[in-house]
C-alpha atoms as a PDB file:
ATOM      1  CA  MET A   1      -0.428  68.456-110.540  1.00  0.00           C
ATOM      2  CA  LEU A   2      -2.330  65.434-109.254  1.00  0.00           C
ATOM      3  CA  GLN A   3      -3.906  63.510-112.112  1.00  0.00           C
ATOM      4  CA  PRO A   4      -7.682  63.121-111.621  1.00  0.00           C
ATOM      5  CA  HIS A   5      -8.032  59.370-112.225  1.00  0.00           C
ATOM      6  CA  ILE A   6      -4.751  57.656-111.392  1.00  0.00           C
ATOM      7  CA  LEU A   7      -4.149  60.119-108.513  1.00  0.00           C
ATOM      8  CA  CYS A   8      -0.431  60.389-109.280  1.00  0.00           C
ATOM      9  CA  LYS A   9       1.832  63.371-109.871  1.00  0.00           C
ATOM     10  CA  LYS A  10       5.314  63.973-111.247  1.00  0.00           C
ATOM     11  CA  GLY A  11       7.814  62.111-109.098  1.00  0.00           C
ATOM     12  CA  ASP A  12       5.419  59.231-108.478  1.00  0.00           C
ATOM     13  CA  VAL A  13       5.893  57.620-111.894  1.00  0.00           C
ATOM     14  CA  ALA A  14       9.091  56.237-113.445  1.00  0.00           C
ATOM     15  CA  GLU A  15       9.931  56.658-117.127  1.00  0.00           C
ATOM     16  CA  ASN A  16       9.521  52.884-117.556  1.00  0.00           C
ATOM     17  CA  VAL A  17       5.941  51.710-117.001  1.00  0.00           C
ATOM     18  CA  ILE A  18       4.318  48.267-117.074  1.00  0.00           C
ATOM     19  CA  LEU A  19       0.572  48.180-117.769  1.00  0.00           C
ATOM     20  CA  PRO A  20      -1.489  45.184-116.620  1.00  0.00           C
ATOM     21  CA  GLY A  21      -5.243  45.413-116.876  1.00  0.00           C
ATOM     22  CA  ASP A  22      -6.040  43.794-113.525  1.00  0.00           C
ATOM     23  CA  PRO A  23      -5.222  45.716-110.300  1.00  0.00           C
ATOM     24  CA  GLN A  24      -4.395  42.368-108.657  1.00  0.00           C
ATOM     25  CA  ARG A  25      -1.788  41.696-111.339  1.00  0.00           C
ATOM     26  CA  VAL A  26      -0.081  44.912-110.241  1.00  0.00           C
ATOM     27  CA  LEU A  27       0.537  43.319-106.850  1.00  0.00           C
ATOM     28  CA  ARG A  28       1.781  40.080-108.393  1.00  0.00           C
ATOM     29  CA  ALA A  29       4.189  41.993-110.613  1.00  0.00           C
ATOM     30  CA  ALA A  30       5.296  44.214-107.724  1.00  0.00           C
ATOM     31  CA  GLU A  31       6.629  41.133-105.926  1.00  0.00           C
ATOM     32  CA  PHE A  32       9.550  41.237-108.366  1.00  0.00           C
ATOM     33  CA  LEU A  33      10.448  44.841-107.440  1.00  0.00           C
ATOM     34  CA  ASP A  34      12.733  46.190-104.751  1.00  0.00           C
ATOM     35  CA  GLU A  35      11.570  49.167-102.669  1.00  0.00           C
ATOM     36  CA  ALA A  36       8.036  48.748-104.014  1.00  0.00           C
ATOM     37  CA  ARG A  37       5.467  51.209-102.683  1.00  0.00           C
ATOM     38  CA  GLU A  38       1.835  51.668-103.604  1.00  0.00           C
ATOM     39  CA  VAL A  39       1.447  55.220-104.822  1.00  0.00           C
ATOM     40  CA  ALA A  40      -2.308  55.267-105.411  1.00  0.00           C
ATOM     41  CA  PHE A  41      -5.364  53.075-105.969  1.00  0.00           C
ATOM     42  CA  ASN A  42      -8.461  54.725-107.404  1.00  0.00           C
ATOM     43  CA  ARG A  43     -11.186  53.036-109.450  1.00  0.00           C
ATOM     44  CA  GLU A  44      -9.409  50.506-111.707  1.00  0.00           C
ATOM     45  CA  PHE A  45      -6.086  52.334-111.514  1.00  0.00           C
ATOM     46  CA  ARG A  46      -3.616  50.875-109.005  1.00  0.00           C
ATOM     47  CA  THR A  47      -0.043  52.218-109.168  1.00  0.00           C
ATOM     48  CA  VAL A  48       3.090  50.789-107.570  1.00  0.00           C
ATOM     49  CA  THR A  49       6.587  52.206-108.088  1.00  0.00           C
ATOM     50  CA  GLY A  50       9.860  50.481-107.228  1.00  0.00           C
ATOM     51  CA  LYS A  51      13.079  49.225-108.807  1.00  0.00           C
ATOM     52  CA  TYR A  52      13.986  46.148-110.804  1.00  0.00           C
ATOM     53  CA  LYS A  53      17.708  45.379-110.689  1.00  0.00           C
ATOM     54  CA  GLY A  54      18.326  49.064-110.073  1.00  0.00           C
ATOM     55  CA  VAL A  55      16.012  50.369-112.816  1.00  0.00           C
ATOM     56  CA  PRO A  56      13.046  52.486-111.647  1.00  0.00           C
ATOM     57  CA  ILE A  57       9.770  50.883-112.738  1.00  0.00           C
ATOM     58  CA  THR A  58       6.135  51.878-112.299  1.00  0.00           C
ATOM     59  CA  ILE A  59       3.288  49.372-112.630  1.00  0.00           C
ATOM     60  CA  THR A  60      -0.211  50.762-113.233  1.00  0.00           C
ATOM     61  CA  SER A  61      -3.403  48.823-113.954  1.00  0.00           C
ATOM     62  CA  THR A  62      -5.603  50.120-116.757  1.00  0.00           C
ATOM     63  CA  GLY A  63      -8.831  48.195-116.184  1.00  0.00           C
ATOM     64  CA  ILE A  64     -10.709  46.574-119.061  1.00  0.00           C
ATOM     65  CA  GLY A  65     -10.895  48.128-122.506  1.00  0.00           C
ATOM     66  CA  GLY A  66      -9.463  50.964-124.521  1.00  0.00           C
ATOM     67  CA  ALA A  67     -11.245  53.877-122.842  1.00  0.00           C
ATOM     68  CA  SER A  68      -9.751  53.307-119.401  1.00  0.00           C
ATOM     69  CA  CYS A  69      -6.395  52.369-120.957  1.00  0.00           C
ATOM     70  CA  ALA A  70      -6.278  55.721-122.759  1.00  0.00           C
ATOM     71  CA  ILE A  71      -6.992  57.578-119.517  1.00  0.00           C
ATOM     72  CA  ALA A  72      -4.202  55.751-117.711  1.00  0.00           C
ATOM     73  CA  VAL A  73      -1.660  56.285-120.473  1.00  0.00           C
ATOM     74  CA  GLU A  74      -2.489  59.988-120.883  1.00  0.00           C
ATOM     75  CA  GLU A  75      -2.153  60.631-117.160  1.00  0.00           C
ATOM     76  CA  LEU A  76       0.981  58.502-116.785  1.00  0.00           C
ATOM     77  CA  ILE A  77       2.632  60.455-119.613  1.00  0.00           C
ATOM     78  CA  ALA A  78       1.691  63.672-117.817  1.00  0.00           C
ATOM     79  CA  CYS A  79       3.492  62.279-114.755  1.00  0.00           C
ATOM     80  CA  GLY A  80       6.675  61.440-116.653  1.00  0.00           C
ATOM     81  CA  GLY A  81       6.039  57.996-118.145  1.00  0.00           C
ATOM     82  CA  LYS A  82       7.870  57.466-121.439  1.00  0.00           C
ATOM     83  CA  ASN A  83       8.303  53.737-122.129  1.00  0.00           C
ATOM     84  CA  PHE A  84       5.247  51.498-121.788  1.00  0.00           C
ATOM     85  CA  ILE A  85       4.902  47.731-121.950  1.00  0.00           C
ATOM     86  CA  ARG A  86       1.431  46.288-121.585  1.00  0.00           C
ATOM     87  CA  ILE A  87       1.172  42.855-119.959  1.00  0.00           C
ATOM     88  CA  GLY A  88      -2.281  41.613-120.880  1.00  0.00           C
ATOM     89  CA  SER A  89      -4.220  38.504-121.788  1.00  0.00           C
ATOM     90  CA  ALA A  90      -5.549  37.399-125.145  1.00  0.00           C
ATOM     91  CA  GLY A  91      -7.506  34.772-127.026  1.00  0.00           C
ATOM     92  CA  ALA A  92      -5.633  32.987-129.819  1.00  0.00           C
ATOM     93  CA  LEU A  93      -7.026  33.209-133.347  1.00  0.00           C
ATOM     94  CA  GLN A  94      -4.565  30.748-134.859  1.00  0.00           C
ATOM     95  CA  PRO A  95      -4.127  27.027-134.204  1.00  0.00           C
ATOM     96  CA  GLY A  96      -0.867  26.042-132.570  1.00  0.00           C
ATOM     97  CA  ILE A  97      -0.767  29.016-130.193  1.00  0.00           C
ATOM     98  CA  ASN A  98      -1.087  27.435-126.774  1.00  0.00           C
ATOM     99  CA  ILE A  99      -2.357  28.672-123.424  1.00  0.00           C
ATOM    100  CA  GLY A 100       0.538  30.376-121.651  1.00  0.00           C
ATOM    101  CA  ASP A 101       2.348  31.332-124.866  1.00  0.00           C
ATOM    102  CA  GLN A 102       3.375  34.962-125.289  1.00  0.00           C
ATOM    103  CA  VAL A 103       2.070  37.004-128.232  1.00  0.00           C
ATOM    104  CA  ILE A 104       4.150  40.123-128.951  1.00  0.00           C
ATOM    105  CA  PRO A 105       2.113  42.474-131.177  1.00  0.00           C
ATOM    106  CA  ILE A 106       3.953  44.433-133.842  1.00  0.00           C
ATOM    107  CA  ALA A 107       0.707  46.203-134.738  1.00  0.00           C
ATOM    108  CA  ALA A 108      -3.001  45.942-134.011  1.00  0.00           C
ATOM    109  CA  VAL A 109      -6.263  46.084-135.933  1.00  0.00           C
ATOM    110  CA  ARG A 110      -8.139  49.067-134.485  1.00  0.00           C
ATOM    111  CA  GLU A 111     -11.558  47.485-133.999  1.00  0.00           C
ATOM    112  CA  GLU A 112     -12.064  49.202-130.639  1.00  0.00           C
ATOM    113  CA  GLY A 113     -13.606  52.625-130.270  1.00  0.00           C
ATOM    114  CA  ALA A 114     -11.274  54.611-128.003  1.00  0.00           C
ATOM    115  CA  SER A 115      -8.491  55.177-130.530  1.00  0.00           C
ATOM    116  CA  LYS A 116     -11.025  56.401-133.089  1.00  0.00           C
ATOM    117  CA  MET A 117     -11.768  59.346-130.806  1.00  0.00           C
ATOM    118  CA  TYR A 118      -8.160  60.441-131.388  1.00  0.00           C
ATOM    119  CA  VAL A 119      -7.577  59.847-135.087  1.00  0.00           C
ATOM    120  CA  PRO A 120      -9.342  58.132-138.024  1.00  0.00           C
ATOM    121  CA  GLU A 121      -8.998  54.361-138.166  1.00  0.00           C
ATOM    122  CA  ASN A 122      -6.747  54.368-141.239  1.00  0.00           C
ATOM    123  CA  TYR A 123      -3.982  55.655-138.925  1.00  0.00           C
ATOM    124  CA  PRO A 124      -1.967  52.557-137.961  1.00  0.00           C
ATOM    125  CA  ALA A 125      -1.618  51.249-134.405  1.00  0.00           C
ATOM    126  CA  VAL A 126       2.033  50.184-134.388  1.00  0.00           C
ATOM    127  CA  ALA A 127       4.467  49.267-131.612  1.00  0.00           C
ATOM    128  CA  ASP A 128       7.630  51.264-131.079  1.00  0.00           C
ATOM    129  CA  PHE A 129      10.127  49.306-133.165  1.00  0.00           C
ATOM    130  CA  LYS A 130      13.060  49.628-130.764  1.00  0.00           C
ATOM    131  CA  LEU A 131      11.169  48.743-127.603  1.00  0.00           C
ATOM    132  CA  ALA A 132       9.334  45.848-129.266  1.00  0.00           C
ATOM    133  CA  SER A 133      12.656  44.546-130.571  1.00  0.00           C
ATOM    134  CA  TYR A 134      13.972  44.394-127.019  1.00  0.00           C
ATOM    135  CA  VAL A 135      10.872  42.455-125.947  1.00  0.00           C
ATOM    136  CA  ILE A 136      11.302  39.930-128.758  1.00  0.00           C
ATOM    137  CA  GLU A 137      15.041  39.513-128.180  1.00  0.00           C
ATOM    138  CA  THR A 138      14.513  39.095-124.437  1.00  0.00           C
ATOM    139  CA  ALA A 139      11.830  36.438-125.062  1.00  0.00           C
ATOM    140  CA  LYS A 140      14.365  34.548-127.158  1.00  0.00           C
ATOM    141  CA  GLN A 141      17.022  34.819-124.451  1.00  0.00           C
ATOM    142  CA  LEU A 142      14.581  33.591-121.797  1.00  0.00           C
ATOM    143  CA  GLN A 143      13.454  30.806-124.150  1.00  0.00           C
ATOM    144  CA  TYR A 144       9.787  31.611-123.576  1.00  0.00           C
ATOM    145  CA  PRO A 145       7.354  30.243-126.187  1.00  0.00           C
ATOM    146  CA  HIS A 146       6.281  33.290-128.174  1.00  0.00           C
ATOM    147  CA  VAL A 147       5.096  34.597-131.531  1.00  0.00           C
ATOM    148  CA  SER A 148       5.097  38.120-132.919  1.00  0.00           C
ATOM    149  CA  GLY A 149       2.889  39.715-135.538  1.00  0.00           C
ATOM    150  CA  LEU A 150      -0.546  41.304-135.828  1.00  0.00           C
ATOM    151  CA  VAL A 151      -3.343  41.257-133.240  1.00  0.00           C
ATOM    152  CA  ARG A 152      -6.853  42.693-133.092  1.00  0.00           C
ATOM    153  CA  SER A 153      -8.281  44.912-130.356  1.00  0.00           C
ATOM    154  CA  HIS A 154     -12.034  44.998-129.755  1.00  0.00           C
ATOM    155  CA  ASP A 155     -14.666  46.189-127.294  1.00  0.00           C
ATOM    156  CA  SER A 156     -16.904  43.202-126.514  1.00  0.00           C
ATOM    157  CA  PHE A 157     -16.495  39.674-125.175  1.00  0.00           C
ATOM    158  CA  TYR A 158     -20.106  38.778-125.823  1.00  0.00           C
ATOM    159  CA  SER A 159     -20.861  39.773-129.410  1.00  0.00           C
ATOM    160  CA  ASP A 160     -23.507  37.647-131.141  1.00  0.00           C
ATOM    161  CA  ARG A 161     -21.093  37.511-134.094  1.00  0.00           C
ATOM    162  CA  GLN A 162     -18.152  36.161-132.105  1.00  0.00           C
ATOM    163  CA  GLU A 163     -17.564  33.013-134.182  1.00  0.00           C
ATOM    164  CA  GLU A 164     -17.876  34.937-137.441  1.00  0.00           C
ATOM    165  CA  ILE A 165     -15.441  37.606-136.237  1.00  0.00           C
ATOM    166  CA  VAL A 166     -12.867  35.072-135.041  1.00  0.00           C
ATOM    167  CA  SER A 167     -13.091  33.173-138.316  1.00  0.00           C
ATOM    168  CA  PHE A 168     -12.722  36.337-140.405  1.00  0.00           C
ATOM    169  CA  TRP A 169      -9.682  37.782-138.636  1.00  0.00           C
ATOM    170  CA  GLY A 170      -8.100  34.387-138.185  1.00  0.00           C
ATOM    171  CA  SER A 171      -8.248  33.918-141.958  1.00  0.00           C
ATOM    172  CA  LYS A 172      -6.342  37.201-142.347  1.00  0.00           C
ATOM    173  CA  GLY A 173      -3.405  35.979-140.269  1.00  0.00           C
ATOM    174  CA  ILE A 174      -4.262  37.844-137.070  1.00  0.00           C
ATOM    175  CA  LEU A 175      -2.640  36.025-134.153  1.00  0.00           C
ATOM    176  CA  ALA A 176      -4.885  36.937-131.220  1.00  0.00           C
ATOM    177  CA  SER A 177      -7.525  39.299-129.853  1.00  0.00           C
ATOM    178  CA  ASP A 178      -7.346  41.614-126.846  1.00  0.00           C
ATOM    179  CA  MET A 179      -9.026  44.870-125.831  1.00  0.00           C
ATOM    180  CA  GLU A 180      -6.256  47.441-125.250  1.00  0.00           C
ATOM    181  CA  THR A 181      -3.245  47.081-127.557  1.00  0.00           C
ATOM    182  CA  ALA A 182      -4.598  49.242-130.392  1.00  0.00           C
ATOM    183  CA  THR A 183      -5.491  52.056-128.003  1.00  0.00           C
ATOM    184  CA  LEU A 184      -2.117  51.936-126.272  1.00  0.00           C
ATOM    185  CA  TYR A 185      -0.172  51.976-129.539  1.00  0.00           C
ATOM    186  CA  THR A 186      -2.242  54.811-131.000  1.00  0.00           C
ATOM    187  CA  VAL A 187      -2.169  57.086-127.950  1.00  0.00           C
ATOM    188  CA  ALA A 188       1.513  56.473-127.231  1.00  0.00           C
ATOM    189  CA  ARG A 189       2.469  57.208-130.838  1.00  0.00           C
ATOM    190  CA  LEU A 190       0.435  60.424-130.914  1.00  0.00           C
ATOM    191  CA  ARG A 191       1.918  61.589-127.608  1.00  0.00           C
ATOM    192  CA  GLY A 192       5.532  60.792-128.493  1.00  0.00           C
ATOM    193  CA  ALA A 193       5.898  57.887-126.052  1.00  0.00           C
ATOM    194  CA  ARG A 194       7.207  54.371-126.751  1.00  0.00           C
ATOM    195  CA  ALA A 195       4.934  51.353-126.408  1.00  0.00           C
ATOM    196  CA  ALA A 196       5.158  47.591-126.777  1.00  0.00           C
ATOM    197  CA  CYS A 197       2.934  44.795-125.575  1.00  0.00           C
ATOM    198  CA  ILE A 198       3.077  41.223-124.297  1.00  0.00           C
ATOM    199  CA  LEU A 199      -0.111  39.161-124.365  1.00  0.00           C
ATOM    200  CA  ASN A 200      -0.451  35.965-122.357  1.00  0.00           C
ATOM    201  CA  VAL A 201      -2.729  33.534-124.194  1.00  0.00           C
ATOM    202  CA  VAL A 202      -5.543  32.396-121.878  1.00  0.00           C
ATOM    203  CA  VAL A 203      -7.995  31.059-124.495  1.00  0.00           C
ATOM    204  CA  SER A 204      -7.026  28.743-127.362  1.00  0.00           C
ATOM    205  CA  ARG A 205      -8.565  29.023-130.845  1.00  0.00           C
ATOM    206  CA  GLY A 206     -12.079  27.577-130.752  1.00  0.00           C
ATOM    207  CA  ASP A 207     -12.388  27.380-126.961  1.00  0.00           C
ATOM    208  CA  SER A 208     -14.975  29.198-124.828  1.00  0.00           C
ATOM    209  CA  ILE A 209     -13.831  32.688-123.853  1.00  0.00           C
ATOM    210  CA  LYS A 210     -15.776  32.604-120.591  1.00  0.00           C
ATOM    211  CA  GLU A 211     -14.468  29.186-119.559  1.00  0.00           C
ATOM    212  CA  GLY A 212     -10.907  30.073-120.514  1.00  0.00           C
ATOM    213  CA  ILE A 213     -10.884  33.240-118.447  1.00  0.00           C
ATOM    214  CA  ASN A 214     -12.534  31.476-115.498  1.00  0.00           C
ATOM    215  CA  GLN A 215      -9.788  28.852-115.529  1.00  0.00           C
ATOM    216  CA  TYR A 216      -7.112  31.553-115.750  1.00  0.00           C
ATOM    217  CA  GLN A 217      -8.558  33.253-112.681  1.00  0.00           C
ATOM    218  CA  THR A 218      -9.048  30.152-110.538  1.00  0.00           C
ATOM    219  CA  VAL A 219      -6.702  27.346-111.619  1.00  0.00           C
ATOM    220  CA  GLU A 220      -2.927  27.105-111.321  1.00  0.00           C
ATOM    221  CA  GLY A 221      -1.706  26.007-114.735  1.00  0.00           C
ATOM    222  CA  PRO A 222      -0.293  27.202-118.064  1.00  0.00           C
ATOM    223  CA  ALA A 223      -2.154  30.528-118.037  1.00  0.00           C
ATOM    224  CA  LYS A 224      -0.823  31.424-114.583  1.00  0.00           C
ATOM    225  CA  GLU A 225       2.679  30.427-115.663  1.00  0.00           C
ATOM    226  CA  GLY A 226       2.211  32.567-118.770  1.00  0.00           C
ATOM    227  CA  GLU A 227       1.366  35.530-116.571  1.00  0.00           C
ATOM    228  CA  ARG A 228       4.519  35.006-114.508  1.00  0.00           C
ATOM    229  CA  ARG A 229       6.556  34.836-117.692  1.00  0.00           C
ATOM    230  CA  GLU A 230       5.079  37.994-119.195  1.00  0.00           C
ATOM    231  CA  ILE A 231       5.879  39.896-115.996  1.00  0.00           C
ATOM    232  CA  ILE A 232       9.507  38.738-116.051  1.00  0.00           C
ATOM    233  CA  LEU A 233       9.740  39.375-119.791  1.00  0.00           C
ATOM    234  CA  ALA A 234       8.497  42.961-119.421  1.00  0.00           C
ATOM    235  CA  LEU A 235      10.842  43.683-116.519  1.00  0.00           C
ATOM    236  CA  GLU A 236      13.886  42.202-118.231  1.00  0.00           C
ATOM    237  CA  ALA A 237      13.101  43.968-121.521  1.00  0.00           C
ATOM    238  CA  LEU A 238      12.745  47.347-119.793  1.00  0.00           C
ATOM    239  CA  LYS A 239      15.982  46.764-117.893  1.00  0.00           C
ATOM    240  CA  ALA A 240      17.850  45.946-121.116  1.00  0.00           C
ATOM    241  CA  PHE A 241      16.247  48.855-122.967  1.00  0.00           C
ATOM    242  CA  SER A 242      16.970  51.329-120.154  1.00  0.00           C
ATOM    243  CA  THR A 243      20.573  50.191-119.842  1.00  0.00           C
ATOM    244  CA  ALA A 244      21.104  50.584-123.603  1.00  0.00           C
ATOM    245  CA  GLU A 245      19.511  54.050-123.615  1.00  0.00           C
ATOM    246  CA  GLU A 246      21.752  55.221-120.762  1.00  0.00           C
ATOM    247  CA  GLY A 247      24.817  53.808-122.483  1.00  0.00           C
END
């Protein structure tokens, strides 16, 4: 059955799936694949399937925010997706986390709304331990600057309370903020899929969100290098995980 939003069906989607938000990041990640083919592109959902070092991989963009992420994940699972790694961007909430560093969330504060449509917010949004462990170990092997711990997912870049919110969650040890991790972890867990996440830091603690994202989009520098690294990290982690599962 063709899924109504991603326009994919069984056979189009590999068990191992990488989830960027940006459809253009799908194309940048697909450059690392062999036999890459665009399966579908509808709305914010662009899907490319190919192989990385012999391992079948699908890359699907989810757009911005938890609602569209949930749609993508639900429909990808219906098409056969089982192991998901999100490659997203984030703003740091702690000093010492630099632009281009990788944040690997173990769990996420569910401050977005999409996951609450599935289950009350006292249900935890937690990464799959095994898959996340492969991401962390692979980051060590690649010697990429990274931290792992708790993040926060939210629904608005432009809240009037932005400084207050950042200060509050930063004081609680939260590493970074994004918009999709909590939704991905909640939906994947409820549906029996595995999920992990890699967040490329594009805004340092205390810097302007708008300016940081503008620089990420337009300037070659640490944020662009961080994106390249998160793509490689996700691919290598899925390859290692898949090889171990087959063995």
